[in-house]
Every structure is written in C-alpha cells, then in structure tokens.
Amino acid sequence: MSDIYNEQKINHIIELYKKSRERDRKKYEKKKDKPEFKLENRMRAKAHYDAHYRDVKKNNYKNNQEFNKAKGLFYYYKRTDRLELFMKKYSDKVTILYEGGFNVKNYLETGSGSGSGSDTD
C-alpha cells in the first residue's frame, strides 16, 4: 500500500482537495445572497424536514408534553423559592420528573442542583 501512495502523491491529493474546497467556497459565497438561491434552499430544506422530521418532532413533543409541563411548573416554584410547596402539592409531577431523569431532590439539598443524576434514596 505504501508503494502506491508515496509522500509526494499524498501531498498532491491533499492540495487538490484544498483547491477544490476553496473553489466550492468561492462559488457559494457568490450565490448565497441571491434571492433565487435562498428560495431554492428554503424549499429544499422544507421538503427534507417534511419528509424526515415532521412526524418525529410531533411525536417527540406529544411524548414529552407532560414532562415539559411538570418541568416548567418546577422552575416556576424554584424561581419563587417555594420548592417544598411544589413537592407537597404536586407529588404526581415530581414522579413524572423522576421518571424523566430529572432529580428534584438535588435542588432541595443544594439550592441550585444540576437537575440530572440518579436518585440516591
């Protein structure tokens, strides 16, 4: 293998690649601000999103909806310094947070925990 690609050939291949990348970059810089390019690019990106990610994102949002609501409520009570009231009043939300991997007790112990980690009880 080393006979096929000696040091000189490897350097030549690298230089060709660098020149190619520079040429492509210059082409892109010339056309990126043109309105027709922007329109085509947006259409291409939207088609890709619709084909691959729309349903995935929608399902992900639905699956995590309760967790995100509980997390928002938690941060509200944290911001108003009433975390103990949150723990007593919304024990079902605390359970949802634990199941999602969010450790509420870290915030009670330290006052500003990372919110993640394992439950050590």
PDB file of N, CA and C in Angstrom:
ATOM      1  N   MET A   1       0.811  -1.198   0.000  1.00  0.00           N
ATOM      2  CA  MET A   1       0.000   0.000   0.000  1.00  0.00           C
ATOM      3  C   MET A   1       0.853   1.261   0.000  1.00  0.00           C
ATOM      4  N   SER A   2       1.914   1.260   0.778  1.00  0.00           N
ATOM      5  CA  SER A   2       2.744   2.459   0.878  1.00  0.00           C
ATOM      6  C   SER A   2       3.458   2.755  -0.447  1.00  0.00           C
ATOM      7  N   ASP A   3       3.640   1.731  -1.300  1.00  0.00           N
ATOM      8  CA  ASP A   3       4.269   1.958  -2.605  1.00  0.00           C
ATOM      9  C   ASP A   3       3.347   2.747  -3.528  1.00  0.00           C
ATOM     10  N   ILE A   4       2.055   2.526  -3.409  1.00  0.00           N
ATOM     11  CA  ILE A   4       1.091   3.206  -4.279  1.00  0.00           C
ATOM     12  C   ILE A   4       1.006   4.688  -3.932  1.00  0.00           C
ATOM     13  N   TYR A   5       0.932   4.999  -2.648  1.00  0.00           N
ATOM     14  CA  TYR A   5       0.804   6.381  -2.198  1.00  0.00           C
ATOM     15  C   TYR A   5       2.057   6.811  -1.444  1.00  0.00           C
ATOM     16  N   ASN A   6       2.992   7.348  -2.182  1.00  0.00           N
ATOM     17  CA  ASN A   6       4.177   7.872  -1.506  1.00  0.00           C
ATOM     18  C   ASN A   6       3.869   9.285  -0.999  1.00  0.00           C
ATOM     19  N   GLU A   7       4.803   9.882  -0.311  1.00  0.00           N
ATOM     20  CA  GLU A   7       4.593  11.173   0.327  1.00  0.00           C
ATOM     21  C   GLU A   7       4.213  12.262  -0.679  1.00  0.00           C
ATOM     22  N   GLN A   8       4.830  12.238  -1.842  1.00  0.00           N
ATOM     23  CA  GLN A   8       4.570  13.245  -2.860  1.00  0.00           C
ATOM     24  C   GLN A   8       3.137  13.134  -3.388  1.00  0.00           C
ATOM     25  N   LYS A   9       2.661  11.913  -3.632  1.00  0.00           N
ATOM     26  CA  LYS A   9       1.298  11.721  -4.123  1.00  0.00           C
ATOM     27  C   LYS A   9       0.272  12.124  -3.067  1.00  0.00           C
ATOM     28  N   ILE A  10       0.561  11.812  -1.830  1.00  0.00           N
ATOM     29  CA  ILE A  10      -0.364  12.186  -0.755  1.00  0.00           C
ATOM     30  C   ILE A  10      -0.474  13.701  -0.660  1.00  0.00           C
ATOM     31  N   ASN A  11       0.643  14.400  -0.719  1.00  0.00           N
ATOM     32  CA  ASN A  11       0.620  15.865  -0.676  1.00  0.00           C
ATOM     33  C   ASN A  11      -0.125  16.441  -1.867  1.00  0.00           C
ATOM     34  N   HIS A  12       0.053  15.834  -3.029  1.00  0.00           N
ATOM     35  CA  HIS A  12      -0.649  16.291  -4.234  1.00  0.00           C
ATOM     36  C   HIS A  12      -2.165  16.120  -4.070  1.00  0.00           C
ATOM     37  N   ILE A  13      -2.591  15.000  -3.551  1.00  0.00           N
ATOM     38  CA  ILE A  13      -4.023  14.749  -3.335  1.00  0.00           C
ATOM     39  C   ILE A  13      -4.599  15.745  -2.337  1.00  0.00           C
ATOM     40  N   ILE A  14      -3.849  16.032  -1.285  1.00  0.00           N
ATOM     41  CA  ILE A  14      -4.310  16.995  -0.277  1.00  0.00           C
ATOM     42  C   ILE A  14      -4.435  18.387  -0.881  1.00  0.00           C
ATOM     43  N   GLU A  15      -3.464  18.785  -1.689  1.00  0.00           N
ATOM     44  CA  GLU A  15      -3.521  20.097  -2.335  1.00  0.00           C
ATOM     45  C   GLU A  15      -4.711  20.196  -3.293  1.00  0.00           C
ATOM     46  N   LEU A  16      -4.963  19.136  -4.052  1.00  0.00           N
ATOM     47  CA  LEU A  16      -6.129  19.134  -4.945  1.00  0.00           C
ATOM     48  C   LEU A  16      -7.423  19.285  -4.158  1.00  0.00           C
ATOM     49  N   TYR A  17      -7.517  18.598  -3.041  1.00  0.00           N
ATOM     50  CA  TYR A  17      -8.712  18.689  -2.205  1.00  0.00           C
ATOM     51  C   TYR A  17      -8.880  20.099  -1.651  1.00  0.00           C
ATOM     52  N   LYS A  18      -7.797  20.708  -1.183  1.00  0.00           N
ATOM     53  CA  LYS A  18      -7.868  22.068  -0.656  1.00  0.00           C
ATOM     54  C   LYS A  18      -8.317  23.061  -1.721  1.00  0.00           C
ATOM     55  N   LYS A  19      -7.780  22.906  -2.930  1.00  0.00           N
ATOM     56  CA  LYS A  19      -8.169  23.794  -4.035  1.00  0.00           C
ATOM     57  C   LYS A  19      -9.639  23.608  -4.376  1.00  0.00           C
ATOM     58  N   SER A  20     -10.092  22.375  -4.379  1.00  0.00           N
ATOM     59  CA  SER A  20     -11.495  22.082  -4.680  1.00  0.00           C
ATOM     60  C   SER A  20     -12.409  22.716  -3.629  1.00  0.00           C
ATOM     61  N   ARG A  21     -12.073  22.574  -2.375  1.00  0.00           N
ATOM     62  CA  ARG A  21     -12.883  23.158  -1.307  1.00  0.00           C
ATOM     63  C   ARG A  21     -12.906  24.686  -1.408  1.00  0.00           C
ATOM     64  N   GLU A  22     -11.778  25.284  -1.723  1.00  0.00           N
ATOM     65  CA  GLU A  22     -11.708  26.734  -1.866  1.00  0.00           C
ATOM     66  C   GLU A  22     -12.555  27.207  -3.049  1.00  0.00           C
ATOM     67  N   ARG A  23     -12.495  26.474  -4.144  1.00  0.00           N
ATOM     68  CA  ARG A  23     -13.296  26.803  -5.321  1.00  0.00           C
ATOM     69  C   ARG A  23     -14.797  26.704  -4.996  1.00  0.00           C
ATOM     70  N   ASP A  24     -15.187  25.648  -4.293  1.00  0.00           N
ATOM     71  CA  ASP A  24     -16.591  25.492  -3.907  1.00  0.00           C
ATOM     72  C   ASP A  24     -17.033  26.602  -2.957  1.00  0.00           C
ATOM     73  N   ARG A  25     -16.151  26.992  -2.047  1.00  0.00           N
ATOM     74  CA  ARG A  25     -16.483  28.051  -1.104  1.00  0.00           C
ATOM     75  C   ARG A  25     -16.703  29.378  -1.845  1.00  0.00           C
ATOM     76  N   LYS A  26     -15.851  29.666  -2.821  1.00  0.00           N
ATOM     77  CA  LYS A  26     -16.000  30.908  -3.580  1.00  0.00           C
ATOM     78  C   LYS A  26     -17.307  30.913  -4.366  1.00  0.00           C
ATOM     79  N   LYS A  27     -17.672  29.770  -4.961  1.00  0.00           N
ATOM     80  CA  LYS A  27     -18.941  29.671  -5.680  1.00  0.00           C
ATOM     81  C   LYS A  27     -20.112  29.947  -4.748  1.00  0.00           C
ATOM     82  N   TYR A  28     -20.058  29.338  -3.566  1.00  0.00           N
ATOM     83  CA  TYR A  28     -21.133  29.518  -2.602  1.00  0.00           C
ATOM     84  C   TYR A  28     -21.219  30.972  -2.151  1.00  0.00           C
ATOM     85  N   GLU A  29     -20.091  31.595  -1.888  1.00  0.00           N
ATOM     86  CA  GLU A  29     -20.082  32.986  -1.439  1.00  0.00           C
ATOM     87  C   GLU A  29     -20.703  33.912  -2.486  1.00  0.00           C
ATOM     88  N   LYS A  30     -20.515  33.580  -3.770  1.00  0.00           N
ATOM     89  CA  LYS A  30     -21.092  34.405  -4.834  1.00  0.00           C
ATOM     90  C   LYS A  30     -22.606  34.262  -4.901  1.00  0.00           C
ATOM     91  N   LYS A  31     -23.117  33.050  -4.720  1.00  0.00           N
ATOM     92  CA  LYS A  31     -24.543  32.832  -4.959  1.00  0.00           C
ATOM     93  C   LYS A  31     -25.408  32.825  -3.704  1.00  0.00           C
ATOM     94  N   LYS A  32     -24.836  32.862  -2.503  1.00  0.00           N
ATOM     95  CA  LYS A  32     -25.629  32.693  -1.283  1.00  0.00           C
ATOM     96  C   LYS A  32     -26.587  33.848  -1.015  1.00  0.00           C
ATOM     97  N   ASP A  33     -26.314  35.042  -1.500  1.00  0.00           N
ATOM     98  CA  ASP A  33     -27.168  36.191  -1.240  1.00  0.00           C
ATOM     99  C   ASP A  33     -28.208  36.435  -2.327  1.00  0.00           C
ATOM    100  N   LYS A  34     -28.204  35.620  -3.353  1.00  0.00           N
ATOM    101  CA  LYS A  34     -29.187  35.791  -4.426  1.00  0.00           C
ATOM    102  C   LYS A  34     -30.546  35.265  -3.966  1.00  0.00           C
ATOM    103  N   PRO A  35     -31.615  36.002  -4.252  1.00  0.00           N
ATOM    104  CA  PRO A  35     -32.955  35.593  -3.790  1.00  0.00           C
ATOM    105  C   PRO A  35     -33.391  34.230  -4.325  1.00  0.00           C
ATOM    106  N   GLU A  36     -33.045  33.909  -5.576  1.00  0.00           N
ATOM    107  CA  GLU A  36     -33.471  32.610  -6.123  1.00  0.00           C
ATOM    108  C   GLU A  36     -32.763  31.445  -5.432  1.00  0.00           C
ATOM    109  N   PHE A  37     -31.506  31.664  -5.032  1.00  0.00           N
ATOM    110  CA  PHE A  37     -30.795  30.617  -4.295  1.00  0.00           C
ATOM    111  C   PHE A  37     -31.426  30.413  -2.917  1.00  0.00           C
ATOM    112  N   LYS A  38     -31.746  31.515  -2.247  1.00  0.00           N
ATOM    113  CA  LYS A  38     -32.372  31.416  -0.931  1.00  0.00           C
ATOM    114  C   LYS A  38     -33.711  30.685  -1.021  1.00  0.00           C
ATOM    115  N   LEU A  39     -34.495  31.005  -2.039  1.00  0.00           N
ATOM    116  CA  LEU A  39     -35.796  30.363  -2.207  1.00  0.00           C
ATOM    117  C   LEU A  39     -35.640  28.866  -2.461  1.00  0.00           C
ATOM    118  N   GLU A  40     -34.724  28.511  -3.358  1.00  0.00           N
ATOM    119  CA  GLU A  40     -34.484  27.094  -3.650  1.00  0.00           C
ATOM    120  C   GLU A  40     -33.991  26.352  -2.409  1.00  0.00           C
ATOM    121  N   ASN A  41     -33.098  26.988  -1.660  1.00  0.00           N
ATOM    122  CA  ASN A  41     -32.548  26.360  -0.468  1.00  0.00           C
ATOM    123  C   ASN A  41     -33.631  26.154   0.597  1.00  0.00           C
ATOM    124  N   ARG A  42     -34.505  27.154   0.761  1.00  0.00           N
ATOM    125  CA  ARG A  42     -35.603  27.021   1.719  1.00  0.00           C
ATOM    126  C   ARG A  42     -36.553  25.901   1.320  1.00  0.00           C
ATOM    127  N   MET A  43     -36.851  25.828   0.037  1.00  0.00           N
ATOM    128  CA  MET A  43     -37.747  24.775  -0.447  1.00  0.00           C
ATOM    129  C   MET A  43     -37.126  23.400  -0.227  1.00  0.00           C
ATOM    130  N   ARG A  44     -35.846  23.276  -0.506  1.00  0.00           N
ATOM    131  CA  ARG A  44     -35.151  22.010  -0.323  1.00  0.00           C
ATOM    132  C   ARG A  44     -35.129  21.619   1.155  1.00  0.00           C
ATOM    133  N   ALA A  45     -34.858  22.587   2.033  1.00  0.00           N
ATOM    134  CA  ALA A  45     -34.807  22.308   3.471  1.00  0.00           C
ATOM    135  C   ALA A  45     -36.188  21.945   4.006  1.00  0.00           C
ATOM    136  N   LYS A  46     -37.226  22.631   3.542  1.00  0.00           N
ATOM    137  CA  LYS A  46     -38.589  22.333   3.982  1.00  0.00           C
ATOM    138  C   LYS A  46     -39.018  20.953   3.523  1.00  0.00           C
ATOM    139  N   ALA A  47     -38.682  20.597   2.295  1.00  0.00           N
ATOM    140  CA  ALA A  47     -39.029  19.268   1.789  1.00  0.00           C
ATOM    141  C   ALA A  47     -38.326  18.183   2.604  1.00  0.00           C
ATOM    142  N   HIS A  48     -37.079  18.417   2.956  1.00  0.00           N
ATOM    143  CA  HIS A  48     -36.335  17.452   3.762  1.00  0.00           C
ATOM    144  C   HIS A  48     -36.952  17.322   5.153  1.00  0.00           C
ATOM    145  N   TYR A  49     -37.305  18.451   5.750  1.00  0.00           N
ATOM    146  CA  TYR A  49     -37.934  18.431   7.077  1.00  0.00           C
ATOM    147  C   TYR A  49     -39.269  17.698   7.029  1.00  0.00           C
ATOM    148  N   ASP A  50     -40.084  18.016   6.027  1.00  0.00           N
ATOM    149  CA  ASP A  50     -41.396  17.369   5.905  1.00  0.00           C
ATOM    150  C   ASP A  50     -41.262  15.868   5.686  1.00  0.00           C
ATOM    151  N   ALA A  51     -40.263  15.469   4.918  1.00  0.00           N
ATOM    152  CA  ALA A  51     -40.106  14.052   4.597  1.00  0.00           C
ATOM    153  C   ALA A  51     -39.541  13.251   5.757  1.00  0.00           C
ATOM    154  N   HIS A  52     -38.688  13.866   6.580  1.00  0.00           N
ATOM    155  CA  HIS A  52     -37.967  13.086   7.575  1.00  0.00           C
ATOM    156  C   HIS A  52     -38.277  13.420   9.028  1.00  0.00           C
ATOM    157  N   TYR A  53     -38.577  14.670   9.347  1.00  0.00           N
ATOM    158  CA  TYR A  53     -38.585  15.060  10.749  1.00  0.00           C
ATOM    159  C   TYR A  53     -39.923  15.531  11.288  1.00  0.00           C
ATOM    160  N   ARG A  54     -40.858  15.898  10.467  1.00  0.00           N
ATOM    161  CA  ARG A  54     -42.098  16.484  10.963  1.00  0.00           C
ATOM    162  C   ARG A  54     -42.810  15.543  11.925  1.00  0.00           C
ATOM    163  N   ASP A  55     -43.021  14.304  11.525  1.00  0.00           N
ATOM    164  CA  ASP A  55     -43.715  13.356  12.387  1.00  0.00           C
ATOM    165  C   ASP A  55     -42.885  13.000  13.616  1.00  0.00           C
ATOM    166  N   VAL A  56     -41.578  12.924  13.441  1.00  0.00           N
ATOM    167  CA  VAL A  56     -40.702  12.600  14.564  1.00  0.00           C
ATOM    168  C   VAL A  56     -40.788  13.686  15.623  1.00  0.00           C
ATOM    169  N   LYS A  57     -40.691  14.947  15.217  1.00  0.00           N
ATOM    170  CA  LYS A  57     -40.755  16.057  16.160  1.00  0.00           C
ATOM    171  C   LYS A  57     -42.127  16.135  16.821  1.00  0.00           C
ATOM    172  N   LYS A  58     -43.172  15.897  16.048  1.00  0.00           N
ATOM    173  CA  LYS A  58     -44.530  15.939  16.582  1.00  0.00           C
ATOM    174  C   LYS A  58     -44.726  14.858  17.638  1.00  0.00           C
ATOM    175  N   ASN A  59     -44.279  13.637  17.354  1.00  0.00           N
ATOM    176  CA  ASN A  59     -44.392  12.547  18.315  1.00  0.00           C
ATOM    177  C   ASN A  59     -43.537  12.800  19.554  1.00  0.00           C
ATOM    178  N   ASN A  60     -42.348  13.344  19.345  1.00  0.00           N
ATOM    179  CA  ASN A  60     -41.470  13.661  20.460  1.00  0.00           C
ATOM    180  C   ASN A  60     -42.117  14.695  21.367  1.00  0.00           C
ATOM    181  N   TYR A  61     -42.761  15.692  20.780  1.00  0.00           N
ATOM    182  CA  TYR A  61     -43.442  16.717  21.571  1.00  0.00           C
ATOM    183  C   TYR A  61     -44.586  16.094  22.359  1.00  0.00           C
ATOM    184  N   LYS A  62     -45.383  15.254  21.721  1.00  0.00           N
ATOM    185  CA  LYS A  62     -46.508  14.616  22.408  1.00  0.00           C
ATOM    186  C   LYS A  62     -46.027  13.708  23.536  1.00  0.00           C
ATOM    187  N   ASN A  63     -44.946  12.953  23.290  1.00  0.00           N
ATOM    188  CA  ASN A  63     -44.438  12.032  24.301  1.00  0.00           C
ATOM    189  C   ASN A  63     -43.870  12.763  25.512  1.00  0.00           C
ATOM    190  N   ASN A  64     -43.297  13.931  25.306  1.00  0.00           N
ATOM    191  CA  ASN A  64     -42.651  14.668  26.391  1.00  0.00           C
ATOM    192  C   ASN A  64     -43.491  15.826  26.922  1.00  0.00           C
ATOM    193  N   GLN A  65     -44.732  15.914  26.508  1.00  0.00           N
ATOM    194  CA  GLN A  65     -45.563  17.055  26.867  1.00  0.00           C
ATOM    195  C   GLN A  65     -45.774  17.154  28.385  1.00  0.00           C
ATOM    196  N   GLU A  66     -46.136  16.064  29.028  1.00  0.00           N
ATOM    197  CA  GLU A  66     -46.358  16.082  30.476  1.00  0.00           C
ATOM    198  C   GLU A  66     -45.070  16.385  31.237  1.00  0.00           C
ATOM    199  N   PHE A  67     -43.968  15.803  30.779  1.00  0.00           N
ATOM    200  CA  PHE A  67     -42.678  16.048  31.420  1.00  0.00           C
ATOM    201  C   PHE A  67     -42.302  17.524  31.321  1.00  0.00           C
ATOM    202  N   ASN A  68     -42.475  18.117  30.148  1.00  0.00           N
ATOM    203  CA  ASN A  68     -42.115  19.522  29.960  1.00  0.00           C
ATOM    204  C   ASN A  68     -43.018  20.450  30.771  1.00  0.00           C
ATOM    205  N   LYS A  69     -44.293  20.116  30.887  1.00  0.00           N
ATOM    206  CA  LYS A  69     -45.191  20.925  31.720  1.00  0.00           C
ATOM    207  C   LYS A  69     -44.780  20.842  33.182  1.00  0.00           C
ATOM    208  N   ALA A  70     -44.450  19.637  33.637  1.00  0.00           N
ATOM    209  CA  ALA A  70     -44.017  19.464  35.021  1.00  0.00           C
ATOM    210  C   ALA A  70     -42.713  20.211  35.277  1.00  0.00           C
ATOM    211  N   LYS A  71     -41.814  20.181  34.314  1.00  0.00           N
ATOM    212  CA  LYS A  71     -40.535  20.873  34.452  1.00  0.00           C
ATOM    213  C   LYS A  71     -40.747  22.393  34.512  1.00  0.00           C
ATOM    214  N   GLY A  72     -41.642  22.894  33.687  1.00  0.00           N
ATOM    215  CA  GLY A  72     -41.954  24.324  33.718  1.00  0.00           C
ATOM    216  C   GLY A  72     -42.546  24.748  35.047  1.00  0.00           C
ATOM    217  N   LEU A  73     -43.449  23.925  35.569  1.00  0.00           N
ATOM    218  CA  LEU A  73     -44.044  24.212  36.865  1.00  0.00           C
ATOM    219  C   LEU A  73     -42.985  24.161  37.968  1.00  0.00           C
ATOM    220  N   PHE A  74     -42.089  23.206  37.879  1.00  0.00           N
ATOM    221  CA  PHE A  74     -40.993  23.102  38.841  1.00  0.00           C
ATOM    222  C   PHE A  74     -40.143  24.369  38.824  1.00  0.00           C
ATOM    223  N   TYR A  75     -39.767  24.834  37.639  1.00  0.00           N
ATOM    224  CA  TYR A  75     -38.921  26.023  37.555  1.00  0.00           C
ATOM    225  C   TYR A  75     -39.651  27.274  38.042  1.00  0.00           C
ATOM    226  N   TYR A  76     -40.976  27.300  37.871  1.00  0.00           N
ATOM    227  CA  TYR A  76     -41.746  28.421  38.423  1.00  0.00           C
ATOM    228  C   TYR A  76     -41.618  28.438  39.945  1.00  0.00           C
ATOM    229  N   TYR A  77     -41.836  27.281  40.573  1.00  0.00           N
ATOM    230  CA  TYR A  77     -41.743  27.204  42.025  1.00  0.00           C
ATOM    231  C   TYR A  77     -40.303  27.425  42.505  1.00  0.00           C
ATOM    232  N   LYS A  78     -39.337  27.024  41.717  1.00  0.00           N
ATOM    233  CA  LYS A  78     -37.932  27.267  42.066  1.00  0.00           C
ATOM    234  C   LYS A  78     -37.629  28.758  42.024  1.00  0.00           C
ATOM    235  N   ARG A  79     -38.122  29.414  41.001  1.00  0.00           N
ATOM    236  CA  ARG A  79     -37.888  30.841  40.830  1.00  0.00           C
ATOM    237  C   ARG A  79     -38.518  31.651  41.970  1.00  0.00           C
ATOM    238  N   THR A  80     -39.647  31.177  42.489  1.00  0.00           N
ATOM    239  CA  THR A  80     -40.329  31.880  43.568  1.00  0.00           C
ATOM    240  C   THR A  80     -39.939  31.339  44.940  1.00  0.00           C
ATOM    241  N   ASP A  81     -38.902  30.492  44.995  1.00  0.00           N
ATOM    242  CA  ASP A  81     -38.373  29.911  46.238  1.00  0.00           C
ATOM    243  C   ASP A  81     -39.434  29.160  47.042  1.00  0.00           C
ATOM    244  N   ARG A  82     -40.224  28.348  46.357  1.00  0.00           N
ATOM    245  CA  ARG A  82     -41.257  27.557  47.030  1.00  0.00           C
ATOM    246  C   ARG A  82     -41.189  26.099  46.591  1.00  0.00           C
ATOM    247  N   LEU A  83     -39.995  25.543  46.509  1.00  0.00           N
ATOM    248  CA  LEU A  83     -39.837  24.167  46.037  1.00  0.00           C
ATOM    249  C   LEU A  83     -40.483  23.146  46.964  1.00  0.00           C
ATOM    250  N   GLU A  84     -40.446  23.396  48.270  1.00  0.00           N
ATOM    251  CA  GLU A  84     -41.065  22.439  49.190  1.00  0.00           C
ATOM    252  C   GLU A  84     -42.567  22.375  48.992  1.00  0.00           C
ATOM    253  N   LEU A  85     -43.182  23.526  48.712  1.00  0.00           N
ATOM    254  CA  LEU A  85     -44.615  23.545  48.419  1.00  0.00           C
ATOM    255  C   LEU A  85     -44.911  22.760  47.132  1.00  0.00           C
ATOM    256  N   PHE A  86     -44.040  22.909  46.159  1.00  0.00           N
ATOM    257  CA  PHE A  86     -44.195  22.152  44.918  1.00  0.00           C
ATOM    258  C   PHE A  86     -44.146  20.654  45.193  1.00  0.00           C
ATOM    259  N   MET A  87     -43.202  20.230  46.024  1.00  0.00           N
ATOM    260  CA  MET A  87     -43.055  18.810  46.344  1.00  0.00           C
ATOM    261  C   MET A  87     -44.308  18.264  47.029  1.00  0.00           C
ATOM    262  N   LYS A  88     -44.892  19.044  47.925  1.00  0.00           N
ATOM    263  CA  LYS A  88     -46.095  18.589  48.636  1.00  0.00           C
ATOM    264  C   LYS A  88     -47.338  18.643  47.757  1.00  0.00           C
ATOM    265  N   LYS A  89     -47.496  19.733  47.052  1.00  0.00           N
ATOM    266  CA  LYS A  89     -48.722  19.971  46.294  1.00  0.00           C
ATOM    267  C   LYS A  89     -48.802  19.133  45.029  1.00  0.00           C
ATOM    268  N   TYR A  90     -47.684  18.917  44.366  1.00  0.00           N
ATOM    269  CA  TYR A  90     -47.677  18.232  43.069  1.00  0.00           C
ATOM    270  C   TYR A  90     -46.797  16.984  43.124  1.00  0.00           C
ATOM    271  N   SER A  91     -47.147  16.047  43.952  1.00  0.00           N
ATOM    272  CA  SER A  91     -46.343  14.822  44.063  1.00  0.00           C
ATOM    273  C   SER A  91     -46.391  14.011  42.765  1.00  0.00           C
ATOM    274  N   ASP A  92     -47.512  14.111  42.018  1.00  0.00           N
ATOM    275  CA  ASP A  92     -47.594  13.416  40.729  1.00  0.00           C
ATOM    276  C   ASP A  92     -46.620  14.015  39.716  1.00  0.00           C
ATOM    277  N   LYS A  93     -46.448  15.330  39.751  1.00  0.00           N
ATOM    278  CA  LYS A  93     -45.483  15.989  38.846  1.00  0.00           C
ATOM    279  C   LYS A  93     -44.050  15.607  39.215  1.00  0.00           C
ATOM    280  N   VAL A  94     -43.787  15.488  40.517  1.00  0.00           N
ATOM    281  CA  VAL A  94     -42.458  15.091  40.959  1.00  0.00           C
ATOM    282  C   VAL A  94     -42.142  13.694  40.447  1.00  0.00           C
ATOM    283  N   THR A  95     -43.140  12.807  40.482  1.00  0.00           N
ATOM    284  CA  THR A  95     -42.961  11.451  39.969  1.00  0.00           C
ATOM    285  C   THR A  95     -42.653  11.472  38.476  1.00  0.00           C
ATOM    286  N   ILE A  96     -43.364  12.303  37.736  1.00  0.00           N
ATOM    287  CA  ILE A  96     -43.123  12.419  36.289  1.00  0.00           C
ATOM    288  C   ILE A  96     -41.698  12.916  36.038  1.00  0.00           C
ATOM    289  N   LEU A  97     -41.253  13.873  36.843  1.00  0.00           N
ATOM    290  CA  LEU A  97     -39.893  14.404  36.677  1.00  0.00           C
ATOM    291  C   LEU A  97     -38.841  13.335  36.972  1.00  0.00           C
ATOM    292  N   TYR A  98     -39.050  12.558  38.031  1.00  0.00           N
ATOM    293  CA  TYR A  98     -38.103  11.484  38.350  1.00  0.00           C
ATOM    294  C   TYR A  98     -38.053  10.444  37.243  1.00  0.00           C
ATOM    295  N   GLU A  99     -39.210  10.089  36.707  1.00  0.00           N
ATOM    296  CA  GLU A  99     -39.244   9.094  35.633  1.00  0.00           C
ATOM    297  C   GLU A  99     -38.545   9.593  34.384  1.00  0.00           C
ATOM    298  N   GLY A 100     -38.543  10.913  34.184  1.00  0.00           N
ATOM    299  CA  GLY A 100     -37.870  11.504  33.039  1.00  0.00           C
ATOM    300  C   GLY A 100     -36.388  11.741  33.260  1.00  0.00           C
ATOM    301  N   GLY A 101     -35.878  11.413  34.452  1.00  0.00           N
ATOM    302  CA  GLY A 101     -34.455  11.575  34.715  1.00  0.00           C
ATOM    303  C   GLY A 101     -34.085  12.905  35.333  1.00  0.00           C
ATOM    304  N   PHE A 102     -35.064  13.637  35.838  1.00  0.00           N
ATOM    305  CA  PHE A 102     -34.830  14.955  36.438  1.00  0.00           C
ATOM    306  C   PHE A 102     -34.905  14.790  37.939  1.00  0.00           C
ATOM    307  N   ASN A 103     -33.798  14.981  38.656  1.00  0.00           N
ATOM    308  CA  ASN A 103     -33.742  14.735  40.087  1.00  0.00           C
ATOM    309  C   ASN A 103     -34.054  16.014  40.852  1.00  0.00           C
ATOM    310  N   VAL A 104     -35.256  16.104  41.374  1.00  0.00           N
ATOM    311  CA  VAL A 104     -35.724  17.288  42.079  1.00  0.00           C
ATOM    312  C   VAL A 104     -35.013  17.448  43.413  1.00  0.00           C
ATOM    313  N   LYS A 105     -34.651  16.355  44.058  1.00  0.00           N
ATOM    314  CA  LYS A 105     -34.031  16.427  45.382  1.00  0.00           C
ATOM    315  C   LYS A 105     -32.672  17.121  45.346  1.00  0.00           C
ATOM    316  N   ASN A 106     -31.990  17.093  44.215  1.00  0.00           N
ATOM    317  CA  ASN A 106     -30.719  17.834  44.097  1.00  0.00           C
ATOM    318  C   ASN A 106     -30.940  19.316  44.328  1.00  0.00           C
ATOM    319  N   TYR A 107     -32.066  19.834  43.882  1.00  0.00           N
ATOM    320  CA  TYR A 107     -32.357  21.255  44.043  1.00  0.00           C
ATOM    321  C   TYR A 107     -32.698  21.580  45.492  1.00  0.00           C
ATOM    322  N   LEU A 108     -33.340  20.662  46.176  1.00  0.00           N
ATOM    323  CA  LEU A 108     -33.683  20.904  47.574  1.00  0.00           C
ATOM    324  C   LEU A 108     -32.453  20.869  48.469  1.00  0.00           C
ATOM    325  N   GLU A 109     -31.537  19.937  48.181  1.00  0.00           N
ATOM    326  CA  GLU A 109     -30.352  19.774  49.019  1.00  0.00           C
ATOM    327  C   GLU A 109     -29.353  20.905  48.832  1.00  0.00           C
ATOM    328  N   THR A 110     -29.087  21.261  47.571  1.00  0.00           N
ATOM    329  CA  THR A 110     -28.052  22.260  47.301  1.00  0.00           C
ATOM    330  C   THR A 110     -28.609  23.644  47.032  1.00  0.00           C
ATOM    331  N   GLY A 111     -29.857  23.710  46.640  1.00  0.00           N
ATOM    332  CA  GLY A 111     -30.438  25.004  46.310  1.00  0.00           C
ATOM    333  C   GLY A 111     -30.298  25.347  44.850  1.00  0.00           C
ATOM    334  N   SER A 112     -29.325  24.744  44.154  1.00  0.00           N
ATOM    335  CA  SER A 112     -29.156  25.002  42.719  1.00  0.00           C
ATOM    336  C   SER A 112     -28.501  23.786  42.073  1.00  0.00           C
ATOM    337  N   GLY A 113     -29.131  22.645  42.176  1.00  0.00           N
ATOM    338  CA  GLY A 113     -28.559  21.423  41.627  1.00  0.00           C
ATOM    339  C   GLY A 113     -28.590  21.386  40.126  1.00  0.00           C
ATOM    340  N   SER A 114     -27.960  20.389  39.567  1.00  0.00           N
ATOM    341  CA  SER A 114     -27.897  20.257  38.106  1.00  0.00           C
ATOM    342  C   SER A 114     -29.202  19.769  37.547  1.00  0.00           C
ATOM    343  N   GLY A 115     -30.029  19.109  38.375  1.00  0.00           N
ATOM    344  CA  GLY A 115     -31.317  18.639  37.909  1.00  0.00           C
ATOM    345  C   GLY A 115     -31.239  17.262  37.280  1.00  0.00           C
ATOM    346  N   SER A 116     -30.071  16.743  37.067  1.00  0.00           N
ATOM    347  CA  SER A 116     -29.949  15.421  36.497  1.00  0.00           C
ATOM    348  C   SER A 116     -29.144  14.564  37.437  1.00  0.00           C
ATOM    349  N   GLY A 117     -29.171  13.301  37.197  1.00  0.00           N
ATOM    350  CA  GLY A 117     -28.420  12.388  38.051  1.00  0.00           C
ATOM    351  C   GLY A 117     -29.333  11.304  38.560  1.00  0.00           C
ATOM    352  N   SER A 118     -28.757  10.371  39.260  1.00  0.00           N
ATOM    353  CA  SER A 118     -29.563   9.262  39.731  1.00  0.00           C
ATOM    354  C   SER A 118     -30.153   9.576  41.085  1.00  0.00           C
ATOM    355  N   ASP A 119     -31.232   8.908  41.380  1.00  0.00           N
ATOM    356  CA  ASP A 119     -31.889   9.068  42.665  1.00  0.00           C
ATOM    357  C   ASP A 119     -31.167   8.190  43.672  1.00  0.00           C
ATOM    358  N   THR A 120     -30.694   8.763  44.753  1.00  0.00           N
ATOM    359  CA  THR A 120     -29.884   8.016  45.697  1.00  0.00           C
ATOM    360  C   THR A 120     -30.651   7.567  46.923  1.00  0.00           C
ATOM    361  N   ASP A 121     -31.944   7.679  46.960  1.00  0.00           N
ATOM    362  CA  ASP A 121     -32.743   7.240  48.121  1.00  0.00           C
ATOM    363  C   ASP A 121     -32.978   5.764  48.112  1.00  0.00           C
TER     364      ASP A 121
END
